[in-house]
């Protein structure tokens, strides 16, 4: 299997399914209101996420076409971001808020993405590194953004449906620590592979 594809898949899955504003808020609402009443909020999240990805792809394409030598710099920046994400994943506490008075809707979910730094940096990282050669056309950009958005929808849906169960198991220190370590190590491996440092030893 292509090592770069494995790195891409690892990054997408771990970055998408680990705790962040989307997953934690979705789990909280799932606990309080159930999946059906949370669905409009989830649709707002994925709609906003799709827009963020399109804009990130366009910005990355512009940077790489204008400054081709910038790709190496972007890879290092992307690797540093993934290491930062690994550190926060290792320390994740999986805390859930239960103070919402009523279910949030489509608009709140959409705005969360537009103002979500994790989503923005995720988009810039993936399109300036892993998918830098896939965004030459609007079709490929839209297709990749749609696929990534489907993964994001699967993530927030999973956290919503299994919110109560996730909370129960992640409340156990041993399980939480093991999950955090595994996810963090996957991200570290992805960052090292992305940086290109391994090619020095080949």
Protein backbone atom coordinates (compact mmCIF):
# COMPACT_ATOMS: atom_id res chain seq x y z
CA UNK A 1 0.00 0.00 0.00
CA UNK A 2 1.21 3.51 -0.84
CA UNK A 3 2.88 4.98 2.31
CA UNK A 4 1.67 8.48 1.42
CA UNK A 5 -1.92 7.23 1.23
CA UNK A 6 -1.51 5.57 4.64
CA UNK A 7 -0.22 8.87 6.05
CA UNK A 8 -3.11 10.77 4.47
CA UNK A 9 -5.70 8.29 5.78
CA UNK A 10 -4.17 8.33 9.26
CA UNK A 11 -4.17 12.11 9.37
CA UNK A 12 -7.75 12.44 8.10
CA UNK A 13 -9.20 9.81 10.43
CA UNK A 14 -7.36 10.89 13.56
CA UNK A 15 -7.77 14.64 12.96
CA UNK A 16 -11.46 14.22 12.13
CA UNK A 17 -12.48 11.80 14.87
CA UNK A 18 -10.47 13.21 17.79
CA UNK A 19 -12.03 15.75 20.19
CA UNK A 20 -12.58 19.22 18.87
CA UNK A 21 -15.38 21.80 18.79
CA UNK A 22 -17.41 19.71 16.31
CA UNK A 23 -17.21 16.35 18.04
CA UNK A 24 -17.53 17.56 21.62
CA UNK A 25 -20.50 19.84 20.91
CA UNK A 26 -22.17 17.09 18.84
CA UNK A 27 -21.71 14.55 21.63
CA UNK A 28 -23.10 17.01 24.17
CA UNK A 29 -26.20 17.63 22.08
CA UNK A 30 -26.57 13.93 21.37
CA UNK A 31 -26.61 13.23 25.09
CA UNK A 32 -29.17 15.95 25.74
CA UNK A 33 -31.46 15.79 22.70
CA UNK A 34 -30.77 12.64 20.70
CA UNK A 35 -29.68 12.33 17.08
CA UNK A 36 -32.87 13.45 15.34
CA UNK A 37 -33.10 16.80 17.15
CA UNK A 38 -29.37 17.37 16.62
CA UNK A 39 -29.38 16.61 12.88
CA UNK A 40 -29.91 20.21 11.72
CA UNK A 41 -26.89 21.25 13.76
CA UNK A 42 -24.81 18.46 12.20
CA UNK A 43 -25.88 19.50 8.70
CA UNK A 44 -24.77 23.05 9.48
CA UNK A 45 -21.39 21.74 10.60
CA UNK A 46 -20.77 19.75 7.44
CA UNK A 47 -22.02 22.54 5.16
CA UNK A 48 -19.62 24.98 6.80
CA UNK A 49 -16.83 22.40 6.73
CA UNK A 50 -17.31 21.92 2.97
CA UNK A 51 -17.04 25.68 2.38
CA UNK A 52 -13.93 25.91 4.56
CA UNK A 53 -12.31 23.07 2.58
CA UNK A 54 -13.07 24.70 -0.76
CA UNK A 55 -11.59 28.01 0.39
CA UNK A 56 -8.57 26.25 1.91
CA UNK A 57 -7.97 24.36 -1.34
CA UNK A 58 -8.19 27.57 -3.36
CA UNK A 59 -5.81 29.43 -1.04
CA UNK A 60 -3.34 26.52 -1.04
CA UNK A 61 -3.50 26.22 -4.82
CA UNK A 62 -2.83 29.95 -5.21
CA UNK A 63 0.15 29.83 -2.83
CA UNK A 64 1.71 26.78 -4.48
CA UNK A 65 1.22 28.05 -8.02
CA UNK A 66 2.57 31.50 -7.13
CA UNK A 67 5.43 30.29 -4.93
CA UNK A 68 6.23 26.64 -5.91
CA UNK A 69 9.24 26.53 -3.59
CA UNK A 70 6.86 27.22 -0.70
CA UNK A 71 5.73 23.56 -0.71
CA UNK A 72 8.62 22.45 1.50
CA UNK A 73 7.86 25.19 4.00
CA UNK A 74 4.17 24.25 4.02
CA UNK A 75 5.08 20.62 4.66
CA UNK A 76 7.12 21.61 7.71
CA UNK A 77 4.34 23.88 8.96
CA UNK A 78 1.83 21.08 8.39
CA UNK A 79 4.04 18.61 10.27
CA UNK A 80 4.37 21.04 13.19
CA UNK A 81 0.59 21.47 13.29
CA UNK A 82 0.09 17.71 13.34
CA UNK A 83 2.60 17.40 16.21
CA UNK A 84 0.68 20.11 18.07
CA UNK A 85 -2.52 18.17 17.42
CA UNK A 86 -0.82 14.99 18.72
CA UNK A 87 0.16 16.78 21.93
CA UNK A 88 -3.39 17.99 22.53
CA UNK A 89 -4.78 14.56 21.64
CA UNK A 90 -2.48 12.99 24.23
CA UNK A 91 -3.82 15.40 26.86
CA UNK A 92 -7.49 15.29 25.78
CA UNK A 93 -9.90 15.14 28.71
CA UNK A 94 -13.12 14.54 26.72
CA UNK A 95 -15.18 16.92 28.81
CA UNK A 96 -18.80 17.49 27.83
CA UNK A 97 -20.97 20.49 28.57
CA UNK A 98 -24.61 19.94 29.44
CA UNK A 99 -25.81 23.50 29.84
CA UNK A 100 -27.53 24.06 26.50
CA UNK A 101 -31.10 25.29 26.95
CA UNK A 102 -32.31 24.21 23.51
CA UNK A 103 -30.84 22.37 20.52
CA UNK A 104 -28.64 24.50 18.30
CA UNK A 105 -29.62 24.59 14.64
CA UNK A 106 -28.11 24.75 11.16
CA UNK A 107 -26.88 28.33 11.45
CA UNK A 108 -24.97 27.72 14.69
CA UNK A 109 -23.31 24.64 13.22
CA UNK A 110 -22.37 26.51 10.04
CA UNK A 111 -20.89 29.48 11.90
CA UNK A 112 -18.92 27.13 14.17
CA UNK A 113 -17.00 25.93 11.09
CA UNK A 114 -16.32 29.36 9.68
CA UNK A 115 -14.81 30.33 13.05
CA UNK A 116 -13.24 26.93 13.83
CA UNK A 117 -9.42 27.21 13.66
CA UNK A 118 -9.05 23.41 13.73
CA UNK A 119 -11.13 23.09 10.54
CA UNK A 120 -9.30 25.94 8.80
CA UNK A 121 -5.82 24.65 9.64
CA UNK A 122 -6.90 21.11 8.74
CA UNK A 123 -7.99 22.32 5.29
CA UNK A 124 -4.84 24.36 4.65
CA UNK A 125 -2.62 21.50 5.83
CA UNK A 126 -4.22 18.78 3.75
CA UNK A 127 -4.42 20.83 0.54
CA UNK A 128 -0.93 22.29 0.77
CA UNK A 129 0.70 18.91 1.46
CA UNK A 130 -1.10 15.61 0.91
CA UNK A 131 -3.45 16.84 -1.82
CA UNK A 132 -1.29 19.57 -3.34
CA UNK A 133 -1.23 17.80 -6.72
CA UNK A 134 -4.97 17.05 -6.69
CA UNK A 135 -6.37 20.57 -6.73
CA UNK A 136 -5.46 21.62 -10.25
CA UNK A 137 -9.11 21.61 -11.27
CA UNK A 138 -12.31 22.73 -9.59
CA UNK A 139 -13.77 19.24 -10.09
CA UNK A 140 -10.98 17.49 -8.16
CA UNK A 141 -11.09 20.14 -5.45
CA UNK A 142 -14.86 19.80 -5.04
CA UNK A 143 -14.67 16.00 -5.15
CA UNK A 144 -11.96 15.80 -2.49
CA UNK A 145 -13.81 18.34 -0.33
CA UNK A 146 -17.01 16.29 -0.66
CA UNK A 147 -15.22 13.07 0.38
CA UNK A 148 -13.60 14.77 3.38
CA UNK A 149 -16.95 16.29 4.31
CA UNK A 150 -18.54 12.82 4.29
CA UNK A 151 -15.83 11.65 6.70
CA UNK A 152 -16.58 14.66 8.92
CA UNK A 153 -20.30 13.86 8.85
CA UNK A 154 -19.56 10.28 9.87
CA UNK A 155 -17.47 11.61 12.74
CA UNK A 156 -20.01 14.05 14.20
CA UNK A 157 -22.78 11.50 13.67
CA UNK A 158 -20.81 8.86 15.57
CA UNK A 159 -20.10 11.23 18.43
CA UNK A 160 -23.76 12.26 18.53
CA UNK A 161 -25.25 8.76 18.44
CA UNK A 162 -22.81 7.27 20.90
CA UNK A 163 -22.36 10.39 23.02
CA UNK A 164 -23.53 8.81 26.23
CA UNK A 165 -21.56 5.61 25.64
CA UNK A 166 -18.41 7.45 24.61
CA UNK A 167 -18.65 9.56 27.72
CA UNK A 168 -19.03 6.54 29.99
CA UNK A 169 -16.00 4.70 28.62
CA UNK A 170 -13.76 7.72 28.22
CA UNK A 171 -14.41 8.53 31.85
CA UNK A 172 -12.20 5.56 32.75
CA UNK A 173 -8.59 6.81 33.03
CA UNK A 174 -6.98 3.61 31.69
CA UNK A 175 -9.09 3.47 28.54
CA UNK A 176 -8.80 7.20 27.93
CA UNK A 177 -5.00 7.10 28.32
CA UNK A 178 -4.62 4.13 25.96
CA UNK A 179 -6.80 5.75 23.27
CA UNK A 180 -4.98 9.06 23.59
CA UNK A 181 -1.55 7.42 23.29
CA UNK A 182 -2.51 5.38 20.21
CA UNK A 183 -4.04 8.38 18.43
CA UNK A 184 -1.14 10.66 19.35
CA UNK A 185 1.43 8.16 18.07
CA UNK A 186 -0.45 7.87 14.76
CA UNK A 187 -0.29 11.64 14.40
CA UNK A 188 3.42 11.76 15.27
CA UNK A 189 4.17 9.12 12.63
CA UNK A 190 2.11 11.09 10.11
CA UNK A 191 3.98 14.32 10.93
CA UNK A 192 7.39 12.65 10.56
CA UNK A 193 6.40 11.09 7.23
CA UNK A 194 4.91 14.35 5.95
CA UNK A 195 8.00 16.40 6.85
CA UNK A 196 10.14 14.25 4.55
CA UNK A 197 12.75 13.72 7.22
CA UNK A 198 12.65 9.96 6.65
CA UNK A 199 14.06 10.40 3.15
CA UNK A 200 17.35 11.53 4.69
CA UNK A 201 17.92 8.01 6.01
CA UNK A 202 17.09 6.22 2.73
